[in-house]
Amino acid sequence: MNKEKKNKLEKKGWKFGSAKEFLGLTDEETSYIELKLKLSTNLKKVRTERNLTQVELAKIINSSQSRVAKLESGDPSVSLDLIIRSLLALGTSNKDIARTISS
């Protein structure tokens, strides 16, 4: 957002901050959410690189297309375990998963 627009919104009473501040998250909670989002984003990247649809990935992991959509968006109902198992099912190596986590 450009500075001018931000200033206009602030004059109208809007406040800007991070999700951590807004939700009152601890450092650990923030780190967990960031980790989950990194892995979810990576799952979508790997799936598209392999030219798979969400339906095709769902068949590979014995799930549904809507669950894959939730996996890729980092939905709170999805566990880290399922994201990692999905990455492994696509042939992602442990090193690649570690690289994603550490980036």
PDB file of N, CA and C in Angstrom:
ATOM      1  N   MET A   1       0.851  -1.168   0.000  1.00  0.00           N
ATOM      2  CA  MET A   1       0.000   0.000   0.000  1.00  0.00           C
ATOM      3  C   MET A   1       0.897   1.232   0.000  1.00  0.00           C
ATOM      4  N   ASN A   2       0.507   2.196  -0.821  1.00  0.00           N
ATOM      5  CA  ASN A   2       1.354   3.387  -0.871  1.00  0.00           C
ATOM      6  C   ASN A   2       1.115   4.268   0.358  1.00  0.00           C
ATOM      7  N   LYS A   3       2.093   5.088   0.632  1.00  0.00           N
ATOM      8  CA  LYS A   3       2.108   5.900   1.857  1.00  0.00           C
ATOM      9  C   LYS A   3       0.917   6.864   1.917  1.00  0.00           C
ATOM     10  N   GLU A   4       0.567   7.452   0.785  1.00  0.00           N
ATOM     11  CA  GLU A   4      -0.538   8.414   0.741  1.00  0.00           C
ATOM     12  C   GLU A   4      -1.856   7.747   1.135  1.00  0.00           C
ATOM     13  N   LYS A   5      -2.110   6.586   0.582  1.00  0.00           N
ATOM     14  CA  LYS A   5      -3.340   5.873   0.896  1.00  0.00           C
ATOM     15  C   LYS A   5      -3.359   5.472   2.379  1.00  0.00           C
ATOM     16  N   LYS A   6      -2.218   5.009   2.884  1.00  0.00           N
ATOM     17  CA  LYS A   6      -2.125   4.623   4.287  1.00  0.00           C
ATOM     18  C   LYS A   6      -2.421   5.823   5.181  1.00  0.00           C
ATOM     19  N   ASN A   7      -1.850   6.985   4.858  1.00  0.00           N
ATOM     20  CA  ASN A   7      -2.081   8.194   5.647  1.00  0.00           C
ATOM     21  C   ASN A   7      -3.556   8.590   5.657  1.00  0.00           C
ATOM     22  N   LYS A   8      -4.217   8.494   4.493  1.00  0.00           N
ATOM     23  CA  LYS A   8      -5.643   8.823   4.414  1.00  0.00           C
ATOM     24  C   LYS A   8      -6.462   7.909   5.312  1.00  0.00           C
ATOM     25  N   LEU A   9      -6.145   6.620   5.266  1.00  0.00           N
ATOM     26  CA  LEU A   9      -6.881   5.663   6.086  1.00  0.00           C
ATOM     27  C   LEU A   9      -6.634   5.891   7.576  1.00  0.00           C
ATOM     28  N   GLU A  10      -5.401   6.209   7.928  1.00  0.00           N
ATOM     29  CA  GLU A  10      -5.087   6.478   9.341  1.00  0.00           C
ATOM     30  C   GLU A  10      -5.835   7.704   9.846  1.00  0.00           C
ATOM     31  N   LYS A  11      -5.980   8.723   8.993  1.00  0.00           N
ATOM     32  CA  LYS A  11      -6.727   9.922   9.374  1.00  0.00           C
ATOM     33  C   LYS A  11      -8.202   9.607   9.610  1.00  0.00           C
ATOM     34  N   LYS A  12      -8.694   8.555   8.947  1.00  0.00           N
ATOM     35  CA  LYS A  12     -10.095   8.151   9.111  1.00  0.00           C
ATOM     36  C   LYS A  12     -10.265   7.177  10.276  1.00  0.00           C
ATOM     37  N   GLY A  13      -9.171   6.898  10.987  1.00  0.00           N
ATOM     38  CA  GLY A  13      -9.279   6.057  12.176  1.00  0.00           C
ATOM     39  C   GLY A  13      -8.782   4.624  12.020  1.00  0.00           C
ATOM     40  N   TRP A  14      -8.341   4.255  10.826  1.00  0.00           N
ATOM     41  CA  TRP A  14      -7.827   2.908  10.609  1.00  0.00           C
ATOM     42  C   TRP A  14      -6.463   2.766  11.269  1.00  0.00           C
ATOM     43  N   LYS A  15      -6.179   1.573  11.758  1.00  0.00           N
ATOM     44  CA  LYS A  15      -4.883   1.291  12.358  1.00  0.00           C
ATOM     45  C   LYS A  15      -4.221   0.169  11.586  1.00  0.00           C
ATOM     46  N   PHE A  16      -2.904   0.217  11.539  1.00  0.00           N
ATOM     47  CA  PHE A  16      -2.136  -0.782  10.811  1.00  0.00           C
ATOM     48  C   PHE A  16      -1.192  -1.500  11.765  1.00  0.00           C
ATOM     49  N   GLY A  17      -1.048  -2.777  11.545  1.00  0.00           N
ATOM     50  CA  GLY A  17      -0.154  -3.580  12.368  1.00  0.00           C
ATOM     51  C   GLY A  17      -0.060  -4.980  11.797  1.00  0.00           C
ATOM     52  N   SER A  18       0.550  -5.839  12.548  1.00  0.00           N
ATOM     53  CA  SER A  18       0.723  -7.213  12.099  1.00  0.00           C
ATOM     54  C   SER A  18      -0.409  -8.090  12.630  1.00  0.00           C
ATOM     55  N   ALA A  19      -0.522  -9.289  12.045  1.00  0.00           N
ATOM     56  CA  ALA A  19      -1.497 -10.260  12.537  1.00  0.00           C
ATOM     57  C   ALA A  19      -1.184 -10.625  13.981  1.00  0.00           C
ATOM     58  N   LYS A  20       0.107 -10.671  14.297  1.00  0.00           N
ATOM     59  CA  LYS A  20       0.533 -10.989  15.661  1.00  0.00           C
ATOM     60  C   LYS A  20      -0.047  -9.980  16.646  1.00  0.00           C
ATOM     61  N   GLU A  21       0.062  -8.704  16.313  1.00  0.00           N
ATOM     62  CA  GLU A  21      -0.459  -7.648  17.183  1.00  0.00           C
ATOM     63  C   GLU A  21      -1.981  -7.697  17.259  1.00  0.00           C
ATOM     64  N   PHE A  22      -2.617  -7.852  16.102  1.00  0.00           N
ATOM     65  CA  PHE A  22      -4.070  -7.836  16.018  1.00  0.00           C
ATOM     66  C   PHE A  22      -4.686  -8.984  16.809  1.00  0.00           C
ATOM     67  N   LEU A  23      -4.099 -10.170  16.671  1.00  0.00           N
ATOM     68  CA  LEU A  23      -4.648 -11.360  17.314  1.00  0.00           C
ATOM     69  C   LEU A  23      -4.056 -11.633  18.692  1.00  0.00           C
ATOM     70  N   GLY A  24      -3.031 -10.872  19.055  1.00  0.00           N
ATOM     71  CA  GLY A  24      -2.395 -11.080  20.346  1.00  0.00           C
ATOM     72  C   GLY A  24      -1.667 -12.411  20.433  1.00  0.00           C
ATOM     73  N   LEU A  25      -0.975 -12.775  19.344  1.00  0.00           N
ATOM     74  CA  LEU A  25      -0.287 -14.061  19.286  1.00  0.00           C
ATOM     75  C   LEU A  25       1.055 -14.005  19.996  1.00  0.00           C
ATOM     76  N   THR A  26       1.450 -15.139  20.532  1.00  0.00           N
ATOM     77  CA  THR A  26       2.786 -15.254  21.107  1.00  0.00           C
ATOM     78  C   THR A  26       3.785 -15.464  19.973  1.00  0.00           C
ATOM     79  N   ASP A  27       5.062 -15.351  20.286  1.00  0.00           N
ATOM     80  CA  ASP A  27       6.089 -15.604  19.275  1.00  0.00           C
ATOM     81  C   ASP A  27       5.991 -17.030  18.748  1.00  0.00           C
ATOM     82  N   GLU A  28       5.695 -17.971  19.630  1.00  0.00           N
ATOM     83  CA  GLU A  28       5.580 -19.374  19.223  1.00  0.00           C
ATOM     84  C   GLU A  28       4.402 -19.592  18.281  1.00  0.00           C
ATOM     85  N   GLU A  29       3.274 -18.962  18.592  1.00  0.00           N
ATOM     86  CA  GLU A  29       2.098 -19.090  17.733  1.00  0.00           C
ATOM     87  C   GLU A  29       2.358 -18.469  16.363  1.00  0.00           C
ATOM     88  N   THR A  30       3.033 -17.342  16.356  1.00  0.00           N
ATOM     89  CA  THR A  30       3.362 -16.679  15.093  1.00  0.00           C
ATOM     90  C   THR A  30       4.285 -17.554  14.259  1.00  0.00           C
ATOM     91  N   SER A  31       5.287 -18.139  14.892  1.00  0.00           N
ATOM     92  CA  SER A  31       6.226 -19.024  14.185  1.00  0.00           C
ATOM     93  C   SER A  31       5.511 -20.241  13.621  1.00  0.00           C
ATOM     94  N   TYR A  32       4.594 -20.810  14.386  1.00  0.00           N
ATOM     95  CA  TYR A  32       3.840 -21.985  13.936  1.00  0.00           C
ATOM     96  C   TYR A  32       3.014 -21.648  12.695  1.00  0.00           C
ATOM     97  N   ILE A  33       2.338 -20.521  12.723  1.00  0.00           N
ATOM     98  CA  ILE A  33       1.510 -20.112  11.586  1.00  0.00           C
ATOM     99  C   ILE A  33       2.382 -19.856  10.358  1.00  0.00           C
ATOM    100  N   GLU A  34       3.509 -19.188  10.540  1.00  0.00           N
ATOM    101  CA  GLU A  34       4.410 -18.922   9.417  1.00  0.00           C
ATOM    102  C   GLU A  34       4.945 -20.221   8.827  1.00  0.00           C
ATOM    103  N   LEU A  35       5.289 -21.185   9.682  1.00  0.00           N
ATOM    104  CA  LEU A  35       5.769 -22.480   9.231  1.00  0.00           C
ATOM    105  C   LEU A  35       4.700 -23.190   8.409  1.00  0.00           C
ATOM    106  N   LYS A  36       3.497 -23.189   8.914  1.00  0.00           N
ATOM    107  CA  LYS A  36       2.391 -23.842   8.221  1.00  0.00           C
ATOM    108  C   LYS A  36       2.140 -23.199   6.851  1.00  0.00           C
ATOM    109  N   LEU A  37       2.208 -21.869   6.806  1.00  0.00           N
ATOM    110  CA  LEU A  37       1.995 -21.174   5.527  1.00  0.00           C
ATOM    111  C   LEU A  37       3.116 -21.458   4.530  1.00  0.00           C
ATOM    112  N   LYS A  38       4.360 -21.541   5.009  1.00  0.00           N
ATOM    113  CA  LYS A  38       5.478 -21.881   4.122  1.00  0.00           C
ATOM    114  C   LYS A  38       5.267 -23.250   3.491  1.00  0.00           C
ATOM    115  N   LEU A  39       4.901 -24.223   4.316  1.00  0.00           N
ATOM    116  CA  LEU A  39       4.706 -25.579   3.814  1.00  0.00           C
ATOM    117  C   LEU A  39       3.495 -25.668   2.891  1.00  0.00           C
ATOM    118  N   SER A  40       2.433 -24.952   3.211  1.00  0.00           N
ATOM    119  CA  SER A  40       1.237 -24.942   2.356  1.00  0.00           C
ATOM    120  C   SER A  40       1.533 -24.336   0.997  1.00  0.00           C
ATOM    121  N   THR A  41       2.260 -23.241   1.006  1.00  0.00           N
ATOM    122  CA  THR A  41       2.647 -22.591  -0.248  1.00  0.00           C
ATOM    123  C   THR A  41       3.534 -23.510  -1.074  1.00  0.00           C
ATOM    124  N   ASN A  42       4.442 -24.197  -0.393  1.00  0.00           N
ATOM    125  CA  ASN A  42       5.328 -25.124  -1.083  1.00  0.00           C
ATOM    126  C   ASN A  42       4.548 -26.291  -1.672  1.00  0.00           C
ATOM    127  N   LEU A  43       3.533 -26.775  -0.969  1.00  0.00           N
ATOM    128  CA  LEU A  43       2.711 -27.872  -1.480  1.00  0.00           C
ATOM    129  C   LEU A  43       2.051 -27.471  -2.793  1.00  0.00           C
ATOM    130  N   LYS A  44       1.490 -26.286  -2.832  1.00  0.00           N
ATOM    131  CA  LYS A  44       0.844 -25.820  -4.068  1.00  0.00           C
ATOM    132  C   LYS A  44       1.876 -25.691  -5.186  1.00  0.00           C
ATOM    133  N   LYS A  45       3.045 -25.176  -4.866  1.00  0.00           N
ATOM    134  CA  LYS A  45       4.113 -25.017  -5.863  1.00  0.00           C
ATOM    135  C   LYS A  45       4.523 -26.374  -6.437  1.00  0.00           C
ATOM    136  N   VAL A  46       4.735 -27.342  -5.568  1.00  0.00           N
ATOM    137  CA  VAL A  46       5.143 -28.682  -6.015  1.00  0.00           C
ATOM    138  C   VAL A  46       4.048 -29.316  -6.863  1.00  0.00           C
ATOM    139  N   ARG A  47       2.804 -29.178  -6.420  1.00  0.00           N
ATOM    140  CA  ARG A  47       1.690 -29.758  -7.190  1.00  0.00           C
ATOM    141  C   ARG A  47       1.613 -29.166  -8.585  1.00  0.00           C
ATOM    142  N   THR A  48       1.724 -27.848  -8.687  1.00  0.00           N
ATOM    143  CA  THR A  48       1.623 -27.206 -10.003  1.00  0.00           C
ATOM    144  C   THR A  48       2.846 -27.517 -10.873  1.00  0.00           C
ATOM    145  N   GLU A  49       4.027 -27.633 -10.264  1.00  0.00           N
ATOM    146  CA  GLU A  49       5.217 -28.012 -11.028  1.00  0.00           C
ATOM    147  C   GLU A  49       5.077 -29.406 -11.630  1.00  0.00           C
ATOM    148  N   ARG A  50       4.342 -30.266 -10.960  1.00  0.00           N
ATOM    149  CA  ARG A  50       4.121 -31.627 -11.450  1.00  0.00           C
ATOM    150  C   ARG A  50       2.878 -31.708 -12.336  1.00  0.00           C
ATOM    151  N   ASN A  51       2.321 -30.554 -12.650  1.00  0.00           N
ATOM    152  CA  ASN A  51       1.141 -30.453 -13.522  1.00  0.00           C
ATOM    153  C   ASN A  51      -0.019 -31.312 -13.039  1.00  0.00           C
ATOM    154  N   LEU A  52      -0.244 -31.284 -11.737  1.00  0.00           N
ATOM    155  CA  LEU A  52      -1.362 -32.014 -11.155  1.00  0.00           C
ATOM    156  C   LEU A  52      -2.461 -31.044 -10.754  1.00  0.00           C
ATOM    157  N   THR A  53      -3.690 -31.494 -10.893  1.00  0.00           N
ATOM    158  CA  THR A  53      -4.815 -30.703 -10.392  1.00  0.00           C
ATOM    159  C   THR A  53      -5.011 -31.039  -8.914  1.00  0.00           C
ATOM    160  N   GLN A  54      -5.830 -30.259  -8.257  1.00  0.00           N
ATOM    161  CA  GLN A  54      -6.154 -30.563  -6.866  1.00  0.00           C
ATOM    162  C   GLN A  54      -6.868 -31.910  -6.762  1.00  0.00           C
ATOM    163  N   VAL A  55      -7.686 -32.226  -7.740  1.00  0.00           N
ATOM    164  CA  VAL A  55      -8.398 -33.513  -7.748  1.00  0.00           C
ATOM    165  C   VAL A  55      -7.400 -34.665  -7.852  1.00  0.00           C
ATOM    166  N   GLU A  56      -6.404 -34.514  -8.726  1.00  0.00           N
ATOM    167  CA  GLU A  56      -5.396 -35.574  -8.875  1.00  0.00           C
ATOM    168  C   GLU A  56      -4.585 -35.759  -7.599  1.00  0.00           C
ATOM    169  N   LEU A  57      -4.201 -34.652  -6.964  1.00  0.00           N
ATOM    170  CA  LEU A  57      -3.478 -34.764  -5.703  1.00  0.00           C
ATOM    171  C   LEU A  57      -4.363 -35.419  -4.643  1.00  0.00           C
ATOM    172  N   ALA A  58      -5.636 -35.065  -4.629  1.00  0.00           N
ATOM    173  CA  ALA A  58      -6.567 -35.660  -3.667  1.00  0.00           C
ATOM    174  C   ALA A  58      -6.600 -37.181  -3.813  1.00  0.00           C
ATOM    175  N   LYS A  59      -6.584 -37.668  -5.044  1.00  0.00           N
ATOM    176  CA  LYS A  59      -6.576 -39.122  -5.266  1.00  0.00           C
ATOM    177  C   LYS A  59      -5.295 -39.750  -4.740  1.00  0.00           C
ATOM    178  N   ILE A  60      -4.178 -39.070  -4.941  1.00  0.00           N
ATOM    179  CA  ILE A  60      -2.881 -39.587  -4.478  1.00  0.00           C
ATOM    180  C   ILE A  60      -2.857 -39.731  -2.960  1.00  0.00           C
ATOM    181  N   ILE A  61      -3.436 -38.763  -2.263  1.00  0.00           N
ATOM    182  CA  ILE A  61      -3.381 -38.782  -0.796  1.00  0.00           C
ATOM    183  C   ILE A  61      -4.673 -39.314  -0.166  1.00  0.00           C
ATOM    184  N   ASN A  62      -5.543 -39.889  -1.004  1.00  0.00           N
ATOM    185  CA  ASN A  62      -6.816 -40.454  -0.529  1.00  0.00           C
ATOM    186  C   ASN A  62      -7.639 -39.437   0.248  1.00  0.00           C
ATOM    187  N   SER A  63      -7.869 -38.305  -0.392  1.00  0.00           N
ATOM    188  CA  SER A  63      -8.626 -37.240   0.238  1.00  0.00           C
ATOM    189  C   SER A  63      -9.562 -36.624  -0.793  1.00  0.00           C
ATOM    190  N   SER A  64     -10.036 -35.422  -0.523  1.00  0.00           N
ATOM    191  CA  SER A  64     -10.948 -34.733  -1.440  1.00  0.00           C
ATOM    192  C   SER A  64     -10.302 -33.459  -1.977  1.00  0.00           C
ATOM    193  N   GLN A  65     -10.855 -32.953  -3.069  1.00  0.00           N
ATOM    194  CA  GLN A  65     -10.344 -31.716  -3.665  1.00  0.00           C
ATOM    195  C   GLN A  65     -10.478 -30.566  -2.681  1.00  0.00           C
ATOM    196  N   SER A  66     -11.581 -30.523  -1.950  1.00  0.00           N
ATOM    197  CA  SER A  66     -11.768 -29.417  -1.006  1.00  0.00           C
ATOM    198  C   SER A  66     -10.732 -29.471   0.116  1.00  0.00           C
ATOM    199  N   ARG A  67     -10.324 -30.675   0.497  1.00  0.00           N
ATOM    200  CA  ARG A  67      -9.292 -30.809   1.529  1.00  0.00           C
ATOM    201  C   ARG A  67      -7.952 -30.320   0.991  1.00  0.00           C
ATOM    202  N   VAL A  68      -7.663 -30.625  -0.274  1.00  0.00           N
ATOM    203  CA  VAL A  68      -6.421 -30.153  -0.895  1.00  0.00           C
ATOM    204  C   VAL A  68      -6.422 -28.629  -0.943  1.00  0.00           C
ATOM    205  N   ALA A  69      -7.560 -28.032  -1.273  1.00  0.00           N
ATOM    206  CA  ALA A  69      -7.660 -26.565  -1.289  1.00  0.00           C
ATOM    207  C   ALA A  69      -7.353 -26.005   0.096  1.00  0.00           C
ATOM    208  N   LYS A  70      -7.858 -26.663   1.135  1.00  0.00           N
ATOM    209  CA  LYS A  70      -7.571 -26.228   2.499  1.00  0.00           C
ATOM    210  C   LYS A  70      -6.100 -26.421   2.839  1.00  0.00           C
ATOM    211  N   LEU A  71      -5.520 -27.522   2.373  1.00  0.00           N
ATOM    212  CA  LEU A  71      -4.084 -27.760   2.588  1.00  0.00           C
ATOM    213  C   LEU A  71      -3.260 -26.625   2.004  1.00  0.00           C
ATOM    214  N   GLU A  72      -3.588 -26.251   0.791  1.00  0.00           N
ATOM    215  CA  GLU A  72      -2.807 -25.240   0.077  1.00  0.00           C
ATOM    216  C   GLU A  72      -3.024 -23.831   0.604  1.00  0.00           C
ATOM    217  N   SER A  73      -4.116 -23.611   1.304  1.00  0.00           N
ATOM    218  CA  SER A  73      -4.377 -22.267   1.830  1.00  0.00           C
ATOM    219  C   SER A  73      -3.952 -22.122   3.287  1.00  0.00           C
ATOM    220  N   GLY A  74      -3.475 -23.208   3.876  1.00  0.00           N
ATOM    221  CA  GLY A  74      -3.051 -23.145   5.272  1.00  0.00           C
ATOM    222  C   GLY A  74      -4.212 -23.051   6.239  1.00  0.00           C
ATOM    223  N   ASP A  75      -5.341 -23.618   5.860  1.00  0.00           N
ATOM    224  CA  ASP A  75      -6.539 -23.594   6.701  1.00  0.00           C
ATOM    225  C   ASP A  75      -6.225 -24.125   8.103  1.00  0.00           C
ATOM    226  N   PRO A  76      -6.774 -23.480   9.132  1.00  0.00           N
ATOM    227  CA  PRO A  76      -6.497 -23.913  10.509  1.00  0.00           C
ATOM    228  C   PRO A  76      -6.916 -25.354  10.811  1.00  0.00           C
ATOM    229  N   SER A  77      -7.854 -25.894  10.051  1.00  0.00           N
ATOM    230  CA  SER A  77      -8.320 -27.255  10.315  1.00  0.00           C
ATOM    231  C   SER A  77      -7.353 -28.324   9.802  1.00  0.00           C
ATOM    232  N   VAL A  78      -6.337 -27.909   9.071  1.00  0.00           N
ATOM    233  CA  VAL A  78      -5.378 -28.840   8.482  1.00  0.00           C
ATOM    234  C   VAL A  78      -4.140 -28.939   9.375  1.00  0.00           C
ATOM    235  N   SER A  79      -3.709 -30.151   9.631  1.00  0.00           N
ATOM    236  CA  SER A  79      -2.540 -30.347  10.492  1.00  0.00           C
ATOM    237  C   SER A  79      -1.241 -30.258   9.686  1.00  0.00           C
ATOM    238  N   LEU A  80      -0.173 -29.924  10.382  1.00  0.00           N
ATOM    239  CA  LEU A  80       1.153 -29.947   9.753  1.00  0.00           C
ATOM    240  C   LEU A  80       1.472 -31.340   9.241  1.00  0.00           C
ATOM    241  N   ASP A  81       1.040 -32.340   9.995  1.00  0.00           N
ATOM    242  CA  ASP A  81       1.271 -33.726   9.615  1.00  0.00           C
ATOM    243  C   ASP A  81       0.718 -34.013   8.218  1.00  0.00           C
ATOM    244  N   LEU A  82      -0.504 -33.589   7.958  1.00  0.00           N
ATOM    245  CA  LEU A  82      -1.120 -33.849   6.661  1.00  0.00           C
ATOM    246  C   LEU A  82      -0.410 -33.086   5.538  1.00  0.00           C
ATOM    247  N   ILE A  83       0.020 -31.873   5.809  1.00  0.00           N
ATOM    248  CA  ILE A  83       0.745 -31.099   4.799  1.00  0.00           C
ATOM    249  C   ILE A  83       2.051 -31.816   4.446  1.00  0.00           C
ATOM    250  N   ILE A  84       2.789 -32.248   5.470  1.00  0.00           N
ATOM    251  CA  ILE A  84       4.066 -32.914   5.235  1.00  0.00           C
ATOM    252  C   ILE A  84       3.855 -34.262   4.541  1.00  0.00           C
ATOM    253  N   ARG A  85       2.844 -35.028   4.970  1.00  0.00           N
ATOM    254  CA  ARG A  85       2.571 -36.306   4.307  1.00  0.00           C
ATOM    255  C   ARG A  85       2.202 -36.093   2.837  1.00  0.00           C
ATOM    256  N   SER A  86       1.502 -35.017   2.537  1.00  0.00           N
ATOM    257  CA  SER A  86       1.136 -34.704   1.154  1.00  0.00           C
ATOM    258  C   SER A  86       2.374 -34.356   0.332  1.00  0.00           C
ATOM    259  N   LEU A  87       3.272 -33.577   0.921  1.00  0.00           N
ATOM    260  CA  LEU A  87       4.523 -33.254   0.231  1.00  0.00           C
ATOM    261  C   LEU A  87       5.327 -34.518  -0.048  1.00  0.00           C
ATOM    262  N   LEU A  88       5.403 -35.398   0.930  1.00  0.00           N
ATOM    263  CA  LEU A  88       6.139 -36.649   0.747  1.00  0.00           C
ATOM    264  C   LEU A  88       5.485 -37.521  -0.321  1.00  0.00           C
ATOM    265  N   ALA A  89       4.160 -37.536  -0.372  1.00  0.00           N
ATOM    266  CA  ALA A  89       3.441 -38.308  -1.389  1.00  0.00           C
ATOM    267  C   ALA A  89       3.736 -37.801  -2.799  1.00  0.00           C
ATOM    268  N   LEU A  90       4.078 -36.519  -2.901  1.00  0.00           N
ATOM    269  CA  LEU A  90       4.435 -35.946  -4.203  1.00  0.00           C
ATOM    270  C   LEU A  90       5.908 -36.161  -4.541  1.00  0.00           C
ATOM    271  N   GLY A  91       6.622 -36.831  -3.644  1.00  0.00           N
ATOM    272  CA  GLY A  91       8.023 -37.122  -3.909  1.00  0.00           C
ATOM    273  C   GLY A  91       8.995 -36.070  -3.406  1.00  0.00           C
ATOM    274  N   THR A  92       8.518 -35.158  -2.593  1.00  0.00           N
ATOM    275  CA  THR A  92       9.400 -34.143  -2.030  1.00  0.00           C
ATOM    276  C   THR A  92      10.332 -34.809  -1.029  1.00  0.00           C
ATOM    277  N   SER A  93      11.606 -34.486  -1.118  1.00  0.00           N
ATOM    278  CA  SER A  93      12.584 -35.098  -0.212  1.00  0.00           C
ATOM    279  C   SER A  93      12.564 -34.404   1.151  1.00  0.00           C
ATOM    280  N   ASN A  94      13.105 -35.105   2.139  1.00  0.00           N
ATOM    281  CA  ASN A  94      13.232 -34.506   3.473  1.00  0.00           C
ATOM    282  C   ASN A  94      14.075 -33.245   3.411  1.00  0.00           C
ATOM    283  N   LYS A  95      15.115 -33.254   2.571  1.00  0.00           N
ATOM    284  CA  LYS A  95      15.983 -32.078   2.432  1.00  0.00           C
ATOM    285  C   LYS A  95      15.197 -30.890   1.886  1.00  0.00           C
ATOM    286  N   ASP A  96      14.339 -31.153   0.894  1.00  0.00           N
ATOM    287  CA  ASP A  96      13.553 -30.068   0.319  1.00  0.00           C
ATOM    288  C   ASP A  96      12.558 -29.503   1.337  1.00  0.00           C
ATOM    289  N   ILE A  97      11.982 -30.364   2.134  1.00  0.00           N
ATOM    290  CA  ILE A  97      11.066 -29.900   3.181  1.00  0.00           C
ATOM    291  C   ILE A  97      11.831 -29.074   4.206  1.00  0.00           C
ATOM    292  N   ALA A  98      13.023 -29.552   4.578  1.00  0.00           N
ATOM    293  CA  ALA A  98      13.859 -28.803   5.531  1.00  0.00           C
ATOM    294  C   ALA A  98      14.255 -27.450   4.962  1.00  0.00           C
ATOM    295  N   ARG A  99      14.558 -27.417   3.659  1.00  0.00           N
ATOM    296  CA  ARG A  99      14.912 -26.157   3.003  1.00  0.00           C
ATOM    297  C   ARG A  99      13.747 -25.171   3.041  1.00  0.00           C
ATOM    298  N   THR A 100      12.548 -25.681   2.818  1.00  0.00           N
ATOM    299  CA  THR A 100      11.361 -24.829   2.873  1.00  0.00           C
ATOM    300  C   THR A 100      11.170 -24.261   4.267  1.00  0.00           C
ATOM    301  N   ILE A 101      11.334 -25.113   5.266  1.00  0.00           N
ATOM    302  CA  ILE A 101      11.162 -24.680   6.646  1.00  0.00           C
ATOM    303  C   ILE A 101      12.197 -23.619   7.031  1.00  0.00           C
ATOM    304  N   SER A 102      13.417 -23.805   6.582  1.00  0.00           N
ATOM    305  CA  SER A 102      14.493 -22.894   6.992  1.00  0.00           C
ATOM    306  C   SER A 102      14.541 -21.607   6.188  1.00  0.00           C
ATOM    307  N   SER A 103      13.788 -21.534   5.100  1.00  0.00           N
ATOM    308  CA  SER A 103      13.823 -20.318   4.266  1.00  0.00           C
ATOM    309  C   SER A 103      13.074 -19.174   4.909  1.00  0.00           C
TER     310      SER A 103
END
